[in-house]
Amino acid sequence: MAHPVKWAIMSTANINRKVIPAAHMSPKTELVGVASRDQARADEYAKTWEIPRAFGSYDALLADPQVEAVYISLPNSMHCEWATKALEAGKHVLCEKPLSRHASEVEAAFDAADRTGRLLSEAFMYRHNPQTQRAKQLVDDGAIGELRLIRSAFSYSLYDESNIRLRPALDGGALMDIGCYTVSGSRLFGGEPEKVYGEAWFGPSGTDWTFAGVLRFPGNVVAVFDSGTAMTERDELEAIGSEGSLFLDDPWHCQVPGIELRRDGRVERIELDTVDSYRLELENLSDAIRGEGELLLGRDDAVAQARVLEALHDSAMHGAPVSLLRAPPVGSR
């Protein structure tokens, strides 16, 4: 096996508590540094999490030649900016979801990856989990007949308006924070939508506290989803077909994996081993860096995801469906 990729983390965000143990556990990754905007904060954080080096600025991290790859867990509004800076500094990048809801920003970040010969991946950790892969395979193999409807939900309760997840300037809100999972899950089964419609309730913080959407896919497949930062905790995903349905009770965290295949009046539960999704996403990019594997989530998926998020947001703002069908080139027949 190739020597482990030397990783560093950009920010001291709460999500790191799930990524750091995975990085320490894997033989394919070596966590060598963490950066904060404050040196004292970085020092304390590095000591707590047993990380060798602490950087008092993000630029200092990027200037360290020992760091090969960075995991970016900054607020949403800073993702593409710092992903691009990291790529231009010669680092590979795993950036927390969502990269952006602006497809042009995501395209520009991947242009930087191409220009510098480095890899960029959006950190939808659930996509790496065997539960997700098995569910996709079952649908593709016709276990539920012809796919008709995709239904998904993700919500929790948060009312602290100072929290970054509820701050408009940082691109917070239900759609960006957790609705992006339901959009990703819908796209996983349905492909790329032709038309979307979104409705939102904007709470006191100015972000969408509830967001619901409908996506229309080719082949008369429809997806419906809801997400919220001001609702009870919920997370589920269901693919419904002409002959049965497939239900995941824990589709995003995959902490208690299992798939219910419902058909012919019976329920078959497919058990799967518990695997750390965060470790899998780190290892996927590490393998790709070493030339020992293919990147699961690259440009095509990230740009398509951003296009849908952008269209859903625009739909909710203007109260009308948005088409995602690309116009034919001028002069084409």
Protein backbone atom coordinates (compact mmCIF):
# COMPACT_ATOMS: atom_id res chain seq x y z
CA MET A 1 0.00 0.00 0.00
CA ALA A 2 1.19 3.53 -0.79
CA HIS A 3 2.24 5.77 2.06
CA PRO A 4 -0.63 7.73 3.64
CA VAL A 5 -1.71 11.08 2.28
CA LYS A 6 -0.86 13.98 4.60
CA TRP A 7 -4.07 15.85 5.40
CA ALA A 8 -4.87 19.09 7.19
CA ILE A 9 -8.18 20.60 8.23
CA MET A 10 -9.20 24.15 7.41
CA SER A 11 -11.29 25.50 10.33
CA THR A 12 -12.34 24.16 13.70
CA ALA A 13 -15.98 23.57 12.79
CA ASN A 14 -18.19 21.20 14.73
CA ILE A 15 -18.38 18.72 11.84
CA ASN A 16 -14.67 18.00 12.37
CA ARG A 17 -15.55 15.84 15.37
CA LYS A 18 -16.79 13.21 12.92
CA VAL A 19 -13.96 13.56 10.43
CA ILE A 20 -10.96 13.64 12.78
CA PRO A 21 -11.51 10.18 14.34
CA ALA A 22 -11.93 8.75 10.84
CA ALA A 23 -8.68 10.37 9.71
CA HIS A 24 -6.82 9.04 12.75
CA MET A 25 -8.23 5.55 12.20
CA SER A 26 -7.40 5.08 8.53
CA PRO A 27 -4.00 3.78 7.40
CA LYS A 28 -4.47 5.76 4.18
CA THR A 29 -4.57 9.17 5.84
CA GLU A 30 -2.24 11.03 8.17
CA LEU A 31 -3.75 14.09 9.82
CA VAL A 32 -0.84 16.50 10.20
CA GLY A 33 -2.40 19.92 10.79
CA VAL A 34 -5.38 22.12 11.55
CA ALA A 35 -5.89 25.82 10.88
CA SER A 36 -7.91 28.50 12.62
CA ARG A 37 -7.99 32.28 12.23
CA ASP A 38 -6.47 32.49 15.70
CA GLN A 39 -3.18 30.81 16.67
CA ALA A 40 -4.20 30.21 20.28
CA ARG A 41 -7.43 28.61 19.16
CA ALA A 42 -5.53 26.44 16.68
CA ASP A 43 -3.01 25.40 19.33
CA GLU A 44 -5.72 24.41 21.79
CA TYR A 45 -7.67 22.53 19.14
CA ALA A 46 -4.62 20.65 17.89
CA LYS A 47 -3.75 19.58 21.43
CA THR A 48 -7.28 18.41 22.16
CA TRP A 49 -7.51 16.34 18.99
CA GLU A 50 -3.88 15.15 18.94
CA ILE A 51 -2.99 16.89 15.68
CA PRO A 52 0.77 17.60 15.29
CA ARG A 53 0.70 21.10 13.76
CA ALA A 54 -1.47 24.15 14.37
CA PHE A 55 -1.74 27.06 11.95
CA GLY A 56 -2.91 30.51 12.97
CA SER A 57 -4.31 31.29 9.51
CA TYR A 58 -5.64 29.41 6.53
CA ASP A 59 -2.93 30.90 4.32
CA ALA A 60 -0.27 29.51 6.66
CA LEU A 61 -1.71 26.04 6.27
CA LEU A 62 -1.70 26.33 2.49
CA ALA A 63 1.93 27.49 2.52
CA ASP A 64 3.10 24.31 4.29
CA PRO A 65 4.69 22.02 1.68
CA GLN A 66 4.13 18.94 3.88
CA VAL A 67 0.34 19.19 3.50
CA GLU A 68 -0.93 17.27 0.47
CA ALA A 69 -4.69 17.51 0.93
CA VAL A 70 -7.08 19.69 2.88
CA TYR A 71 -10.53 19.09 4.25
CA ILE A 72 -12.50 22.35 4.18
CA SER A 73 -15.26 22.72 6.77
CA LEU A 74 -15.70 26.47 6.57
CA PRO A 75 -19.15 28.11 6.28
CA ASN A 76 -20.95 27.50 2.98
CA SER A 77 -20.27 30.96 1.57
CA MET A 78 -16.50 30.37 1.83
CA HIS A 79 -16.32 26.93 0.25
CA CYS A 80 -15.48 27.71 -3.36
CA GLU A 81 -13.22 30.64 -2.50
CA TRP A 82 -10.96 28.59 -0.23
CA ALA A 83 -11.20 25.43 -2.31
CA THR A 84 -9.81 27.42 -5.21
CA LYS A 85 -7.07 28.94 -3.07
CA ALA A 86 -6.11 25.50 -1.80
CA LEU A 87 -6.00 24.04 -5.29
CA GLU A 88 -3.86 26.92 -6.51
CA ALA A 89 -1.52 26.27 -3.57
CA GLY A 90 -1.04 22.73 -4.86
CA LYS A 91 -3.35 20.93 -2.43
CA HIS A 92 -6.01 18.34 -3.19
CA VAL A 93 -9.37 19.28 -1.68
CA LEU A 94 -12.27 17.56 0.01
CA CYS A 95 -14.80 20.34 0.63
CA GLU A 96 -17.84 20.01 2.83
CA LYS A 97 -21.18 20.01 1.12
CA PRO A 98 -22.60 21.98 -0.46
CA LEU A 99 -19.81 23.47 -2.52
CA SER A 100 -22.19 26.24 -3.53
CA ARG A 101 -25.69 26.83 -4.84
CA HIS A 102 -24.16 28.79 -7.72
CA ALA A 103 -23.14 26.46 -10.54
CA SER A 104 -20.75 29.04 -11.99
CA GLU A 105 -18.75 29.08 -8.74
CA VAL A 106 -18.49 25.30 -8.72
CA GLU A 107 -17.42 25.27 -12.37
CA ALA A 108 -14.71 27.82 -11.58
CA ALA A 109 -13.42 25.74 -8.67
CA PHE A 110 -13.14 22.65 -10.85
CA ASP A 111 -11.46 24.73 -13.55
CA ALA A 112 -8.84 25.53 -10.91
CA ALA A 113 -8.50 21.81 -10.15
CA ASP A 114 -7.96 21.04 -13.83
CA ARG A 115 -5.51 23.91 -14.21
CA THR A 116 -3.40 22.82 -11.24
CA GLY A 117 -3.63 19.08 -11.76
CA ARG A 118 -5.19 18.55 -8.35
CA LEU A 119 -8.37 16.76 -7.26
CA LEU A 120 -11.50 18.35 -5.84
CA SER A 121 -14.43 16.45 -4.34
CA GLU A 122 -17.66 17.47 -2.62
CA ALA A 123 -18.04 15.78 0.77
CA PHE A 124 -21.36 13.97 0.56
CA MET A 125 -20.20 11.24 2.89
CA TYR A 126 -23.37 9.13 2.60
CA ARG A 127 -22.64 8.51 -1.09
CA HIS A 128 -19.60 6.44 -0.08
CA ASN A 129 -21.50 4.17 2.28
CA PRO A 130 -22.31 0.57 1.24
CA GLN A 131 -25.96 1.15 2.23
CA THR A 132 -26.27 3.84 -0.44
CA GLN A 133 -24.51 1.75 -3.05
CA ARG A 134 -26.68 -1.28 -2.34
CA ALA A 135 -29.89 0.74 -2.51
CA LYS A 136 -28.88 2.22 -5.85
CA GLN A 137 -28.02 -1.22 -7.20
CA LEU A 138 -31.36 -2.66 -6.11
CA VAL A 139 -33.30 0.09 -7.89
CA ASP A 140 -31.14 -0.18 -11.01
CA ASP A 141 -31.63 -3.97 -11.06
CA GLY A 142 -35.42 -3.60 -11.03
CA ALA A 143 -36.10 -4.77 -7.48
CA ILE A 144 -39.06 -2.33 -7.26
CA GLY A 145 -40.04 -2.47 -10.93
CA GLU A 146 -40.02 0.81 -12.83
CA LEU A 147 -39.12 3.78 -10.66
CA ARG A 148 -42.06 6.17 -10.23
CA LEU A 149 -41.48 8.38 -7.17
CA ILE A 150 -38.64 9.36 -4.83
CA ARG A 151 -39.54 10.70 -1.39
CA SER A 152 -37.05 12.07 1.12
CA ALA A 153 -36.86 14.15 4.29
CA PHE A 154 -34.22 15.66 6.55
CA SER A 155 -34.93 18.05 9.42
CA TYR A 156 -33.94 19.08 12.94
CA SER A 157 -34.61 21.89 15.43
CA LEU A 158 -32.34 24.94 15.64
CA TYR A 159 -33.50 28.35 16.86
CA ASP A 160 -30.23 30.13 17.74
CA GLU A 161 -30.19 32.87 15.11
CA SER A 162 -26.48 33.51 15.68
CA ASN A 163 -25.62 29.98 14.53
CA ILE A 164 -23.87 29.95 11.15
CA ARG A 165 -26.50 27.55 9.83
CA LEU A 166 -29.13 30.30 10.21
CA ARG A 167 -27.14 33.24 8.85
CA PRO A 168 -28.01 34.42 5.33
CA ALA A 169 -24.60 36.04 4.77
CA LEU A 170 -22.97 32.63 5.19
CA ASP A 171 -25.43 30.86 2.85
CA GLY A 172 -27.21 29.13 5.69
CA GLY A 173 -30.71 27.74 5.68
CA ALA A 174 -32.52 24.43 5.42
CA LEU A 175 -31.93 23.84 1.69
CA MET A 176 -28.20 24.42 1.88
CA ASP A 177 -27.59 22.70 5.21
CA ILE A 178 -29.64 19.52 4.93
CA GLY A 179 -31.98 19.91 1.96
CA CYS A 180 -28.91 19.37 -0.20
CA TYR A 181 -28.90 15.75 1.01
CA THR A 182 -32.46 15.18 -0.14
CA VAL A 183 -31.64 16.75 -3.50
CA SER A 184 -28.55 14.57 -3.82
CA GLY A 185 -30.52 11.45 -2.87
CA SER A 186 -33.23 12.30 -5.40
CA ARG A 187 -30.63 12.75 -8.11
CA LEU A 188 -28.91 9.50 -7.15
CA PHE A 189 -32.00 7.53 -8.16
CA GLY A 190 -33.65 9.83 -10.69
CA GLY A 191 -30.71 11.25 -12.62
CA GLU A 192 -30.79 14.92 -13.53
CA PRO A 193 -34.13 16.75 -13.27
CA GLU A 194 -35.76 18.56 -16.14
CA LYS A 195 -37.81 20.91 -13.98
CA VAL A 196 -37.98 21.84 -10.28
CA TYR A 197 -40.33 23.74 -8.00
CA GLY A 198 -39.50 24.96 -4.50
CA GLU A 199 -41.44 26.49 -1.64
CA ALA A 200 -39.85 27.96 1.48
CA TRP A 201 -40.74 29.57 4.79
CA PHE A 202 -38.14 32.14 5.72
CA GLY A 203 -37.84 32.39 9.49
CA PRO A 204 -36.78 35.30 11.73
CA SER A 205 -33.08 34.85 10.89
CA GLY A 206 -33.77 35.47 7.20
CA THR A 207 -32.84 31.96 6.11
CA ASP A 208 -35.27 29.31 4.92
CA TRP A 209 -36.36 27.46 8.06
CA THR A 210 -38.48 25.07 6.00
CA PHE A 211 -37.91 24.14 2.38
CA ALA A 212 -39.92 21.69 0.29
CA GLY A 213 -39.45 20.84 -3.34
CA VAL A 214 -40.60 18.81 -6.32
CA LEU A 215 -38.22 17.55 -9.02
CA ARG A 216 -39.39 16.18 -12.38
CA PHE A 217 -37.01 13.69 -14.00
CA PRO A 218 -36.97 12.09 -17.46
CA GLY A 219 -39.16 9.01 -17.79
CA ASN A 220 -42.00 10.51 -15.74
CA VAL A 221 -40.15 10.06 -12.44
CA VAL A 222 -41.03 12.60 -9.74
CA ALA A 223 -39.22 13.36 -6.48
CA VAL A 224 -40.69 15.18 -3.49
CA PHE A 225 -38.66 16.30 -0.49
CA ASP A 226 -38.82 18.45 2.58
CA SER A 227 -36.12 19.84 4.84
CA GLY A 228 -36.15 22.08 7.85
CA THR A 229 -34.12 23.66 10.63
CA ALA A 230 -37.27 24.32 12.68
CA MET A 231 -38.94 20.92 12.71
CA THR A 232 -38.66 17.72 14.65
CA GLU A 233 -35.74 15.45 13.80
CA ARG A 234 -36.45 13.32 10.71
CA ASP A 235 -34.36 11.56 8.10
CA GLU A 236 -35.61 9.08 5.53
CA LEU A 237 -35.45 8.17 1.86
CA GLU A 238 -37.83 6.03 -0.18
CA ALA A 239 -37.81 4.93 -3.82
CA ILE A 240 -41.26 3.78 -4.98
CA GLY A 241 -41.74 1.74 -8.11
CA SER A 242 -44.39 -0.06 -10.11
CA GLU A 243 -43.89 -3.33 -8.18
CA GLY A 244 -42.56 -2.33 -4.78
CA SER A 245 -40.66 0.23 -2.74
CA LEU A 246 -37.31 0.57 -1.06
CA PHE A 247 -37.08 2.41 2.26
CA LEU A 248 -34.06 3.73 4.20
CA ASP A 249 -34.72 4.90 7.74
CA ASP A 250 -31.18 6.29 8.18
CA PRO A 251 -30.11 7.33 4.69
CA TRP A 252 -27.74 10.20 5.43
CA HIS A 253 -25.80 9.30 8.57
CA CYS A 254 -25.93 5.54 7.92
CA GLN A 255 -25.32 4.87 11.60
CA VAL A 256 -27.86 2.04 11.74
CA PRO A 257 -27.71 0.74 8.17
CA GLY A 258 -30.50 -1.35 6.74
CA ILE A 259 -32.78 -1.37 3.71
CA GLU A 260 -36.45 -2.37 3.72
CA LEU A 261 -37.54 -3.85 0.41
CA ARG A 262 -41.34 -3.82 0.34
CA ARG A 263 -43.10 -5.84 -2.38
CA ASP A 264 -45.76 -8.51 -2.82
CA GLY A 265 -47.21 -7.64 0.59
CA ARG A 266 -43.99 -8.54 2.36
CA VAL A 267 -41.09 -6.60 3.87
CA GLU A 268 -37.56 -7.93 3.40
CA ARG A 269 -34.95 -6.24 5.57
CA ILE A 270 -31.47 -6.19 4.08
CA GLU A 271 -28.88 -5.81 6.82
CA LEU A 272 -25.52 -4.17 6.19
CA ASP A 273 -22.41 -3.69 8.30
CA THR A 274 -21.86 -0.34 9.98
CA VAL A 275 -19.05 1.52 8.21
CA ASP A 276 -17.67 5.01 8.88
CA SER A 277 -18.79 7.11 5.90
CA TYR A 278 -16.34 9.89 6.78
CA ARG A 279 -13.45 7.46 6.66
CA LEU A 280 -14.65 6.16 3.31
CA GLU A 281 -14.76 9.62 1.73
CA LEU A 282 -11.27 10.46 3.02
CA GLU A 283 -9.96 7.15 1.71
CA ASN A 284 -11.63 7.61 -1.66
CA LEU A 285 -9.81 10.88 -2.29
CA SER A 286 -6.59 9.50 -0.81
CA ASP A 287 -6.73 6.50 -3.14
CA ALA A 288 -7.39 8.77 -6.10
CA ILE A 289 -4.43 10.98 -5.13
CA ARG A 290 -2.15 7.93 -5.04
CA GLY A 291 -3.54 6.61 -8.33
CA GLU A 292 -5.05 3.59 -6.60
CA GLY A 293 -8.72 4.35 -7.17
CA GLU A 294 -11.28 6.48 -8.97
CA LEU A 295 -12.79 9.60 -7.44
CA LEU A 296 -16.47 8.93 -6.68
CA LEU A 297 -17.70 12.53 -6.66
CA GLY A 298 -16.08 14.93 -9.08
CA ARG A 299 -17.00 17.80 -11.37
CA ASP A 300 -20.08 16.37 -13.08
CA ASP A 301 -21.93 15.52 -9.88
CA ALA A 302 -20.98 18.72 -8.05
CA VAL A 303 -21.95 21.05 -10.90
CA ALA A 304 -25.24 19.22 -11.46
CA GLN A 305 -26.00 19.43 -7.74
CA ALA A 306 -25.34 23.16 -7.68
CA ARG A 307 -27.56 23.70 -10.73
CA VAL A 308 -30.48 22.05 -8.96
CA LEU A 309 -29.93 23.94 -5.69
CA GLU A 310 -29.74 27.20 -7.62
CA ALA A 311 -32.93 26.44 -9.53
CA LEU A 312 -34.83 25.41 -6.40
CA HIS A 313 -33.79 28.58 -4.59
CA ASP A 314 -34.79 30.73 -7.56
CA SER A 315 -38.13 28.91 -7.77
CA ALA A 316 -38.88 29.56 -4.11
CA MET A 317 -37.93 33.21 -4.45
CA HIS A 318 -40.11 33.79 -7.52
CA GLY A 319 -42.95 31.35 -6.87
CA ALA A 320 -42.69 29.53 -10.18
CA PRO A 321 -41.19 26.30 -11.53
CA VAL A 322 -37.72 26.49 -13.10
CA SER A 323 -36.73 24.48 -16.16
CA LEU A 324 -33.30 22.86 -16.24
CA LEU A 325 -33.49 21.78 -19.85
CA ARG A 326 -30.58 23.30 -21.69
CA ALA A 327 -31.44 25.32 -24.79
CA PRO A 328 -30.02 23.81 -28.02
CA PRO A 329 -27.01 25.58 -29.52
CA VAL A 330 -27.74 28.36 -31.96
CA GLY A 331 -28.08 26.91 -35.47
CA SER A 332 -28.71 23.34 -34.28
CA ARG A 333 -31.63 21.37 -35.68
